[in-house]
Amino acid sequence: MAAGDSGAAPAGTARDRCPTGIEALDNILEGGIPRGNTVLVAGSVGTGKTTLSLEFLIHGAERGERSLFLSVTEPTSKLIENMRSFEFFRPELITSGKLLLVDIPVLYDKLGLDHEEMRPDEIQLFLQTLEGFLTESKAERVVLDSLTSFAYRIQREERVRDFMLKLSQILAAHNCTTLLVSEIGPGAGRYSLRGVEEAIVDGLFLLGNARRHGDILRVLQVIKMRGTPHSRAQYVVEMTPIGLLLAPHLKGGLTEEG
């Protein structure tokens, strides 16, 4: 790369895409997430955030792209057991090293990060360790589940902003396409714990629940995605044994619940 070259695609040139493996979502994004983007996957409990994220990683691993799942809230052993009900899950991807699962609480213990609030030097230590993982694994796809749980350990808004900026720089330097899971309550009015995370990321998927004719439906909407035009329509999500299926909802009779 020549000096001064930022690596951005020239004007009028299509960005390389990172397919999510969820056909309808890739169609919305005109082929997938622009490669290298960091995307917030925001939603309340039970809306399919982790399933979407794992489907994204597994599809990448099947394509030969190293994929890294950083689990903050759930032991990866339990995660694997829960995923066995989905036909897209491939245990051999884990044994072959194409899909790497890391328990962040175990990492906390190894680094001595065992108290409630992380100091700036400890945040920096975590980021350096993460960068080491990316270098060693050569990961092209990354999921952090969840960003919210990690941000609780940072607590202060200005430190969360600083962490997000540095995290984004590290991921961009390694050309990782990344999903950051954000847990929000119904009617939260924002997409993340502090409300600053969504301003820094390149994209935002919003998952939620909606009521139609007495039924509660999962719904998904692409709020933003840098580097590609996309539909902002809301789609009904069906969680099936083969993964997430999306279909445009019929207008009328749909009430948001968060």
C-alpha atoms as a PDB file:
ATOM      1  CA  MET A   1       0.000   0.000   0.000  1.00  0.00           C
ATOM      2  CA  ALA A   2       1.419   3.374  -0.975  1.00  0.00           C
ATOM      3  CA  ALA A   3       2.193   6.003   1.650  1.00  0.00           C
ATOM      4  CA  GLY A   4      -0.885   8.015   2.491  1.00  0.00           C
ATOM      5  CA  ASP A   5      -3.234   5.350   1.131  1.00  0.00           C
ATOM      6  CA  SER A   6      -6.027   4.826   3.689  1.00  0.00           C
ATOM      7  CA  GLY A   7      -7.110   1.536   2.130  1.00  0.00           C
ATOM      8  CA  ALA A   8     -10.607   2.888   1.415  1.00  0.00           C
ATOM      9  CA  ALA A   9     -12.218   1.892  -1.860  1.00  0.00           C
ATOM     10  CA  PRO A  10     -12.039   4.599  -4.562  1.00  0.00           C
ATOM     11  CA  ALA A  11     -15.212   6.626  -5.139  1.00  0.00           C
ATOM     12  CA  GLY A  12     -17.715   4.616  -7.154  1.00  0.00           C
ATOM     13  CA  THR A  13     -16.038   1.282  -6.315  1.00  0.00           C
ATOM     14  CA  ALA A  14     -18.119  -1.336  -4.486  1.00  0.00           C
ATOM     15  CA  ARG A  15     -16.758  -2.460  -1.105  1.00  0.00           C
ATOM     16  CA  ASP A  16     -15.931  -6.137  -0.616  1.00  0.00           C
ATOM     17  CA  ARG A  17     -18.767  -7.790   1.321  1.00  0.00           C
ATOM     18  CA  CYS A  18     -18.767 -10.163   4.263  1.00  0.00           C
ATOM     19  CA  PRO A  19     -21.912 -12.330   3.872  1.00  0.00           C
ATOM     20  CA  THR A  20     -23.747 -12.976   7.135  1.00  0.00           C
ATOM     21  CA  GLY A  21     -25.123 -16.280   5.851  1.00  0.00           C
ATOM     22  CA  ILE A  22     -28.672 -15.065   6.521  1.00  0.00           C
ATOM     23  CA  GLU A  23     -29.933 -14.736   2.967  1.00  0.00           C
ATOM     24  CA  ALA A  24     -32.561 -12.037   3.443  1.00  0.00           C
ATOM     25  CA  LEU A  25     -30.217  -9.908   5.578  1.00  0.00           C
ATOM     26  CA  ASP A  26     -27.496 -10.163   2.928  1.00  0.00           C
ATOM     27  CA  ASN A  27     -30.032  -9.067   0.308  1.00  0.00           C
ATOM     28  CA  ILE A  28     -30.941  -6.037   2.436  1.00  0.00           C
ATOM     29  CA  LEU A  29     -27.233  -5.130   2.580  1.00  0.00           C
ATOM     30  CA  GLU A  30     -26.677  -5.771  -1.154  1.00  0.00           C
ATOM     31  CA  GLY A  31     -24.431  -8.759  -0.531  1.00  0.00           C
ATOM     32  CA  GLY A  32     -23.497  -8.536   3.127  1.00  0.00           C
ATOM     33  CA  ILE A  33     -21.730  -6.307   5.639  1.00  0.00           C
ATOM     34  CA  PRO A  34     -18.990  -4.154   4.048  1.00  0.00           C
ATOM     35  CA  ARG A  35     -15.841  -5.993   5.052  1.00  0.00           C
ATOM     36  CA  GLY A  36     -14.049  -4.419   8.009  1.00  0.00           C
ATOM     37  CA  ASN A  37     -17.165  -2.796   9.471  1.00  0.00           C
ATOM     38  CA  THR A  38     -17.997  -2.993  13.174  1.00  0.00           C
ATOM     39  CA  VAL A  39     -21.722  -3.532  13.778  1.00  0.00           C
ATOM     40  CA  LEU A  40     -23.799  -3.185  16.937  1.00  0.00           C
ATOM     41  CA  VAL A  41     -26.430  -5.936  17.286  1.00  0.00           C
ATOM     42  CA  ALA A  42     -28.892  -4.368  19.726  1.00  0.00           C
ATOM     43  CA  GLY A  43     -32.009  -5.868  21.231  1.00  0.00           C
ATOM     44  CA  SER A  44     -33.841  -7.059  24.299  1.00  0.00           C
ATOM     45  CA  VAL A  45     -33.769 -10.564  25.773  1.00  0.00           C
ATOM     46  CA  GLY A  46     -34.764 -13.424  23.481  1.00  0.00           C
ATOM     47  CA  THR A  47     -34.740 -11.511  20.200  1.00  0.00           C
ATOM     48  CA  GLY A  48     -32.059 -13.645  18.494  1.00  0.00           C
ATOM     49  CA  LYS A  49     -28.900 -11.552  18.943  1.00  0.00           C
ATOM     50  CA  THR A  50     -26.603 -14.446  19.886  1.00  0.00           C
ATOM     51  CA  THR A  51     -28.081 -16.782  17.265  1.00  0.00           C
ATOM     52  CA  LEU A  52     -27.577 -14.191  14.519  1.00  0.00           C
ATOM     53  CA  SER A  53     -24.006 -13.623  15.695  1.00  0.00           C
ATOM     54  CA  LEU A  54     -23.114 -17.314  15.785  1.00  0.00           C
ATOM     55  CA  GLU A  55     -24.687 -17.936  12.395  1.00  0.00           C
ATOM     56  CA  PHE A  56     -22.493 -15.110  11.061  1.00  0.00           C
ATOM     57  CA  LEU A  57     -19.349 -16.717  12.539  1.00  0.00           C
ATOM     58  CA  ILE A  58     -20.164 -20.280  11.508  1.00  0.00           C
ATOM     59  CA  HIS A  59     -20.908 -19.230   7.938  1.00  0.00           C
ATOM     60  CA  GLY A  60     -17.558 -17.451   7.846  1.00  0.00           C
ATOM     61  CA  ALA A  61     -15.692 -20.455   9.247  1.00  0.00           C
ATOM     62  CA  GLU A  62     -17.287 -22.661   6.586  1.00  0.00           C
ATOM     63  CA  ARG A  63     -15.907 -20.239   3.974  1.00  0.00           C
ATOM     64  CA  GLY A  64     -12.418 -20.666   5.433  1.00  0.00           C
ATOM     65  CA  GLU A  65     -12.412 -17.383   7.365  1.00  0.00           C
ATOM     66  CA  ARG A  66     -11.044 -17.621  10.905  1.00  0.00           C
ATOM     67  CA  SER A  67     -13.835 -16.657  13.310  1.00  0.00           C
ATOM     68  CA  LEU A  68     -13.569 -15.612  16.970  1.00  0.00           C
ATOM     69  CA  PHE A  69     -16.370 -15.594  19.564  1.00  0.00           C
ATOM     70  CA  LEU A  70     -15.650 -13.699  22.796  1.00  0.00           C
ATOM     71  CA  SER A  71     -18.228 -14.718  25.403  1.00  0.00           C
ATOM     72  CA  VAL A  72     -18.665 -12.418  28.385  1.00  0.00           C
ATOM     73  CA  THR A  73     -21.957 -13.603  29.875  1.00  0.00           C
ATOM     74  CA  GLU A  74     -22.317 -17.322  29.067  1.00  0.00           C
ATOM     75  CA  PRO A  75     -19.758 -20.144  29.385  1.00  0.00           C
ATOM     76  CA  THR A  76     -18.828 -21.354  25.917  1.00  0.00           C
ATOM     77  CA  SER A  77     -19.520 -24.965  26.988  1.00  0.00           C
ATOM     78  CA  LYS A  78     -23.160 -24.030  27.615  1.00  0.00           C
ATOM     79  CA  LEU A  79     -23.254 -22.034  24.397  1.00  0.00           C
ATOM     80  CA  ILE A  80     -22.136 -25.081  22.415  1.00  0.00           C
ATOM     81  CA  GLU A  81     -24.849 -27.257  23.992  1.00  0.00           C
ATOM     82  CA  ASN A  82     -27.515 -24.656  23.194  1.00  0.00           C
ATOM     83  CA  MET A  83     -26.358 -24.441  19.576  1.00  0.00           C
ATOM     84  CA  ARG A  84     -26.647 -28.178  18.924  1.00  0.00           C
ATOM     85  CA  SER A  85     -30.352 -27.723  18.151  1.00  0.00           C
ATOM     86  CA  PHE A  86     -29.479 -25.679  15.041  1.00  0.00           C
ATOM     87  CA  GLU A  87     -28.637 -27.493  11.815  1.00  0.00           C
ATOM     88  CA  PHE A  88     -26.113 -24.822  10.814  1.00  0.00           C
ATOM     89  CA  PHE A  89     -23.945 -25.606  13.857  1.00  0.00           C
ATOM     90  CA  ARG A  90     -20.743 -27.504  12.956  1.00  0.00           C
ATOM     91  CA  PRO A  91     -18.775 -28.815  15.995  1.00  0.00           C
ATOM     92  CA  GLU A  92     -15.885 -29.773  13.704  1.00  0.00           C
ATOM     93  CA  LEU A  93     -15.277 -26.081  13.011  1.00  0.00           C
ATOM     94  CA  ILE A  94     -14.308 -25.723  16.680  1.00  0.00           C
ATOM     95  CA  THR A  95     -12.071 -28.801  16.797  1.00  0.00           C
ATOM     96  CA  SER A  96     -10.313 -27.694  13.590  1.00  0.00           C
ATOM     97  CA  GLY A  97      -9.618 -24.242  15.025  1.00  0.00           C
ATOM     98  CA  LYS A  98     -11.596 -22.378  12.362  1.00  0.00           C
ATOM     99  CA  LEU A  99     -14.084 -21.219  15.015  1.00  0.00           C
ATOM    100  CA  LEU A 100     -12.434 -20.064  18.247  1.00  0.00           C
ATOM    101  CA  LEU A 101     -14.436 -19.614  21.459  1.00  0.00           C
ATOM    102  CA  VAL A 102     -12.988 -17.591  24.342  1.00  0.00           C
ATOM    103  CA  ASP A 103     -14.494 -17.253  27.826  1.00  0.00           C
ATOM    104  CA  ILE A 104     -13.813 -13.660  28.839  1.00  0.00           C
ATOM    105  CA  PRO A 105     -14.369 -14.284  32.607  1.00  0.00           C
ATOM    106  CA  VAL A 106     -11.533 -16.835  32.470  1.00  0.00           C
ATOM    107  CA  LEU A 107      -9.418 -14.193  30.774  1.00  0.00           C
ATOM    108  CA  TYR A 108     -10.322 -11.697  33.522  1.00  0.00           C
ATOM    109  CA  ASP A 109      -8.960 -14.136  36.122  1.00  0.00           C
ATOM    110  CA  LYS A 110      -5.719 -14.705  34.210  1.00  0.00           C
ATOM    111  CA  LEU A 111      -5.170 -10.944  33.876  1.00  0.00           C
ATOM    112  CA  GLY A 112      -6.118 -10.218  37.487  1.00  0.00           C
ATOM    113  CA  LEU A 113      -9.161  -8.155  36.504  1.00  0.00           C
ATOM    114  CA  ASP A 114     -11.264  -9.460  39.374  1.00  0.00           C
ATOM    115  CA  HIS A 115     -12.815  -6.274  40.765  1.00  0.00           C
ATOM    116  CA  GLU A 116     -16.011  -4.465  39.824  1.00  0.00           C
ATOM    117  CA  GLU A 117     -14.665  -1.405  37.970  1.00  0.00           C
ATOM    118  CA  MET A 118     -11.736  -1.591  35.545  1.00  0.00           C
ATOM    119  CA  ARG A 119      -9.107   1.135  35.706  1.00  0.00           C
ATOM    120  CA  PRO A 120      -7.790   2.764  32.488  1.00  0.00           C
ATOM    121  CA  ASP A 121      -4.572   0.716  32.654  1.00  0.00           C
ATOM    122  CA  GLU A 122      -6.617  -2.480  33.010  1.00  0.00           C
ATOM    123  CA  ILE A 123      -8.783  -1.545  30.037  1.00  0.00           C
ATOM    124  CA  GLN A 124      -5.594  -1.030  28.049  1.00  0.00           C
ATOM    125  CA  LEU A 125      -4.291  -4.436  29.203  1.00  0.00           C
ATOM    126  CA  PHE A 126      -7.497  -6.068  27.987  1.00  0.00           C
ATOM    127  CA  LEU A 127      -7.239  -4.327  24.605  1.00  0.00           C
ATOM    128  CA  GLN A 128      -3.605  -5.416  24.236  1.00  0.00           C
ATOM    129  CA  THR A 129      -4.591  -8.999  25.054  1.00  0.00           C
ATOM    130  CA  LEU A 130      -7.424  -8.857  22.525  1.00  0.00           C
ATOM    131  CA  GLU A 131      -5.055  -7.548  19.876  1.00  0.00           C
ATOM    132  CA  GLY A 132      -2.777 -10.482  20.649  1.00  0.00           C
ATOM    133  CA  PHE A 133      -5.690 -12.879  20.064  1.00  0.00           C
ATOM    134  CA  LEU A 134      -6.422 -11.220  16.719  1.00  0.00           C
ATOM    135  CA  THR A 135      -2.786 -11.412  15.632  1.00  0.00           C
ATOM    136  CA  GLU A 136      -2.373 -15.037  16.699  1.00  0.00           C
ATOM    137  CA  SER A 137      -5.693 -16.299  15.351  1.00  0.00           C
ATOM    138  CA  LYS A 138      -5.705 -14.169  12.176  1.00  0.00           C
ATOM    139  CA  ALA A 139      -9.433 -13.784  12.811  1.00  0.00           C
ATOM    140  CA  GLU A 140     -11.441 -12.173  10.018  1.00  0.00           C
ATOM    141  CA  ARG A 141     -14.803 -12.314  11.828  1.00  0.00           C
ATOM    142  CA  VAL A 142     -15.258 -11.409  15.493  1.00  0.00           C
ATOM    143  CA  VAL A 143     -18.207 -11.376  17.897  1.00  0.00           C
ATOM    144  CA  LEU A 144     -18.197  -9.867  21.397  1.00  0.00           C
ATOM    145  CA  ASP A 145     -21.217 -11.075  23.383  1.00  0.00           C
ATOM    146  CA  SER A 146     -21.918  -8.867  25.069  1.00  0.00           C
ATOM    147  CA  LEU A 147     -20.480  -5.386  24.802  1.00  0.00           C
ATOM    148  CA  THR A 148     -23.006  -4.328  27.444  1.00  0.00           C
ATOM    149  CA  SER A 149     -21.623  -6.691  30.077  1.00  0.00           C
ATOM    150  CA  PHE A 150     -18.090  -5.518  29.360  1.00  0.00           C
ATOM    151  CA  ALA A 151     -19.121  -1.855  29.494  1.00  0.00           C
ATOM    152  CA  TYR A 152     -20.586  -2.422  32.979  1.00  0.00           C
ATOM    153  CA  ARG A 153     -17.005  -3.076  34.115  1.00  0.00           C
ATOM    154  CA  ILE A 154     -15.901   0.279  32.669  1.00  0.00           C
ATOM    155  CA  GLN A 155     -18.888   2.217  34.053  1.00  0.00           C
ATOM    156  CA  ARG A 156     -17.851   5.789  33.250  1.00  0.00           C
ATOM    157  CA  GLU A 157     -19.222   7.189  30.003  1.00  0.00           C
ATOM    158  CA  GLU A 158     -15.999   8.923  28.940  1.00  0.00           C
ATOM    159  CA  ARG A 159     -14.059   5.678  29.471  1.00  0.00           C
ATOM    160  CA  VAL A 160     -16.638   3.722  27.465  1.00  0.00           C
ATOM    161  CA  ARG A 161     -16.207   6.197  24.603  1.00  0.00           C
ATOM    162  CA  ASP A 162     -12.421   5.908  24.781  1.00  0.00           C
ATOM    163  CA  PHE A 163     -12.640   2.101  24.901  1.00  0.00           C
ATOM    164  CA  MET A 164     -14.948   2.029  21.870  1.00  0.00           C
ATOM    165  CA  LEU A 165     -12.646   4.276  19.842  1.00  0.00           C
ATOM    166  CA  LYS A 166      -9.590   2.157  20.643  1.00  0.00           C
ATOM    167  CA  LEU A 167     -11.468  -1.109  20.068  1.00  0.00           C
ATOM    168  CA  SER A 168     -12.687   0.122  16.682  1.00  0.00           C
ATOM    169  CA  GLN A 169      -9.136   1.110  15.708  1.00  0.00           C
ATOM    170  CA  ILE A 170      -7.755  -2.307  16.664  1.00  0.00           C
ATOM    171  CA  LEU A 171     -10.476  -4.179  14.768  1.00  0.00           C
ATOM    172  CA  ALA A 172     -10.024  -1.958  11.704  1.00  0.00           C
ATOM    173  CA  ALA A 173      -6.243  -2.464  11.769  1.00  0.00           C
ATOM    174  CA  HIS A 174      -6.821  -6.237  11.593  1.00  0.00           C
ATOM    175  CA  ASN A 175      -9.572  -5.824   8.958  1.00  0.00           C
ATOM    176  CA  CYS A 176     -12.030  -7.715  11.148  1.00  0.00           C
ATOM    177  CA  THR A 177     -15.738  -7.661  10.389  1.00  0.00           C
ATOM    178  CA  THR A 178     -17.230  -7.527  13.874  1.00  0.00           C
ATOM    179  CA  LEU A 179     -20.565  -7.861  15.649  1.00  0.00           C
ATOM    180  CA  LEU A 180     -20.875  -6.321  19.122  1.00  0.00           C
ATOM    181  CA  VAL A 181     -23.950  -7.550  21.004  1.00  0.00           C
ATOM    182  CA  SER A 182     -25.782  -4.823  22.917  1.00  0.00           C
ATOM    183  CA  GLU A 183     -28.471  -5.704  25.470  1.00  0.00           C
ATOM    184  CA  ILE A 184     -31.224  -3.099  25.763  1.00  0.00           C
ATOM    185  CA  GLY A 185     -34.586  -3.181  27.507  1.00  0.00           C
ATOM    186  CA  PRO A 186     -37.933  -2.610  25.789  1.00  0.00           C
ATOM    187  CA  GLY A 187     -38.484   1.069  25.076  1.00  0.00           C
ATOM    188  CA  ALA A 188     -34.931   1.977  26.125  1.00  0.00           C
ATOM    189  CA  GLY A 189     -34.781   4.928  23.726  1.00  0.00           C
ATOM    190  CA  ARG A 190     -31.169   4.116  22.830  1.00  0.00           C
ATOM    191  CA  TYR A 191     -29.211   1.189  21.450  1.00  0.00           C
ATOM    192  CA  SER A 192     -26.483   0.656  24.061  1.00  0.00           C
ATOM    193  CA  LEU A 193     -25.640   0.958  27.763  1.00  0.00           C
ATOM    194  CA  ARG A 194     -24.244   4.497  27.607  1.00  0.00           C
ATOM    195  CA  GLY A 195     -25.731   5.711  24.340  1.00  0.00           C
ATOM    196  CA  VAL A 196     -22.295   6.481  22.874  1.00  0.00           C
ATOM    197  CA  GLU A 197     -21.495   3.071  21.409  1.00  0.00           C
ATOM    198  CA  GLU A 198     -23.936   3.355  18.489  1.00  0.00           C
ATOM    199  CA  ALA A 199     -22.355   6.635  17.354  1.00  0.00           C
ATOM    200  CA  ILE A 200     -18.922   5.038  16.950  1.00  0.00           C
ATOM    201  CA  VAL A 201     -19.784   1.764  15.189  1.00  0.00           C
ATOM    202  CA  ASP A 202     -20.241   1.488  11.414  1.00  0.00           C
ATOM    203  CA  GLY A 203     -23.554  -0.334  11.503  1.00  0.00           C
ATOM    204  CA  LEU A 204     -26.530  -1.133  13.687  1.00  0.00           C
ATOM    205  CA  PHE A 205     -28.960  -4.062  13.611  1.00  0.00           C
ATOM    206  CA  LEU A 206     -31.960  -3.567  15.907  1.00  0.00           C
ATOM    207  CA  LEU A 207     -33.839  -6.678  17.054  1.00  0.00           C
ATOM    208  CA  GLY A 208     -36.995  -6.479  19.093  1.00  0.00           C
ATOM    209  CA  ASN A 209     -40.467  -7.818  19.741  1.00  0.00           C
ATOM    210  CA  ALA A 210     -43.726  -6.672  18.209  1.00  0.00           C
ATOM    211  CA  ARG A 211     -47.308  -7.705  18.800  1.00  0.00           C
ATOM    212  CA  ARG A 212     -49.643  -8.538  15.902  1.00  0.00           C
ATOM    213  CA  HIS A 213     -53.143  -9.868  16.395  1.00  0.00           C
ATOM    214  CA  GLY A 214     -52.225 -11.096  19.869  1.00  0.00           C
ATOM    215  CA  ASP A 215     -48.988 -12.833  18.801  1.00  0.00           C
ATOM    216  CA  ILE A 216     -45.510 -11.643  19.820  1.00  0.00           C
ATOM    217  CA  LEU A 217     -43.133 -11.624  16.855  1.00  0.00           C
ATOM    218  CA  ARG A 218     -39.381 -11.072  16.639  1.00  0.00           C
ATOM    219  CA  VAL A 219     -38.475  -8.211  14.311  1.00  0.00           C
ATOM    220  CA  LEU A 220     -35.241  -6.869  12.809  1.00  0.00           C
ATOM    221  CA  GLN A 221     -34.339  -3.523  11.252  1.00  0.00           C
ATOM    222  CA  VAL A 222     -31.050  -2.262   9.811  1.00  0.00           C
ATOM    223  CA  ILE A 223     -30.788   1.206  11.342  1.00  0.00           C
ATOM    224  CA  LYS A 224     -27.474   2.151   9.733  1.00  0.00           C
ATOM    225  CA  MET A 225     -24.629   0.623   7.736  1.00  0.00           C
ATOM    226  CA  ARG A 226     -21.707   2.628   6.417  1.00  0.00           C
ATOM    227  CA  GLY A 227     -20.437   1.669   2.989  1.00  0.00           C
ATOM    228  CA  THR A 228     -23.657   0.390   1.443  1.00  0.00           C
ATOM    229  CA  PRO A 229     -27.216   1.467   0.666  1.00  0.00           C
ATOM    230  CA  HIS A 230     -29.773  -0.645   2.500  1.00  0.00           C
ATOM    231  CA  SER A 231     -33.439  -0.992   3.304  1.00  0.00           C
ATOM    232  CA  ARG A 232     -34.609   0.485   6.612  1.00  0.00           C
ATOM    233  CA  ALA A 233     -37.804  -1.566   6.515  1.00  0.00           C
ATOM    234  CA  GLN A 234     -38.729  -3.772   9.445  1.00  0.00           C
ATOM    235  CA  TYR A 235     -38.608  -7.544   8.938  1.00  0.00           C
ATOM    236  CA  VAL A 236     -40.251 -10.323  10.883  1.00  0.00           C
ATOM    237  CA  VAL A 237     -37.712 -12.879  12.148  1.00  0.00           C
ATOM    238  CA  GLU A 238     -38.476 -16.575  12.480  1.00  0.00           C
ATOM    239  CA  MET A 239     -36.018 -18.695  14.443  1.00  0.00           C
ATOM    240  CA  THR A 240     -35.892 -22.132  12.792  1.00  0.00           C
ATOM    241  CA  PRO A 241     -33.617 -25.204  13.031  1.00  0.00           C
ATOM    242  CA  ILE A 242     -31.771 -23.968   9.930  1.00  0.00           C
ATOM    243  CA  GLY A 243     -31.232 -20.485  11.400  1.00  0.00           C
ATOM    244  CA  LEU A 244     -32.906 -17.092  11.221  1.00  0.00           C
ATOM    245  CA  LEU A 245     -35.380 -16.443   8.407  1.00  0.00           C
ATOM    246  CA  LEU A 246     -36.537 -12.908   7.585  1.00  0.00           C
ATOM    247  CA  ALA A 247     -39.630 -11.687   5.774  1.00  0.00           C
ATOM    248  CA  PRO A 248     -41.069  -8.166   5.376  1.00  0.00           C
ATOM    249  CA  HIS A 249     -43.955  -7.684   7.779  1.00  0.00           C
ATOM    250  CA  LEU A 250     -47.372  -6.756   6.459  1.00  0.00           C
ATOM    251  CA  LYS A 251     -48.149  -3.137   7.203  1.00  0.00           C
ATOM    252  CA  GLY A 252     -50.813  -2.550   9.801  1.00  0.00           C
ATOM    253  CA  GLY A 253     -51.647  -4.360  12.992  1.00  0.00           C
ATOM    254  CA  LEU A 254     -48.016  -4.449  14.268  1.00  0.00           C
ATOM    255  CA  THR A 255     -47.289  -2.803  17.628  1.00  0.00           C
ATOM    256  CA  GLU A 256     -43.737  -2.290  18.929  1.00  0.00           C
ATOM    257  CA  GLU A 257     -42.825  -3.796  22.300  1.00  0.00           C
ATOM    258  CA  GLY A 258     -39.024  -3.315  22.234  1.00  0.00           C
END
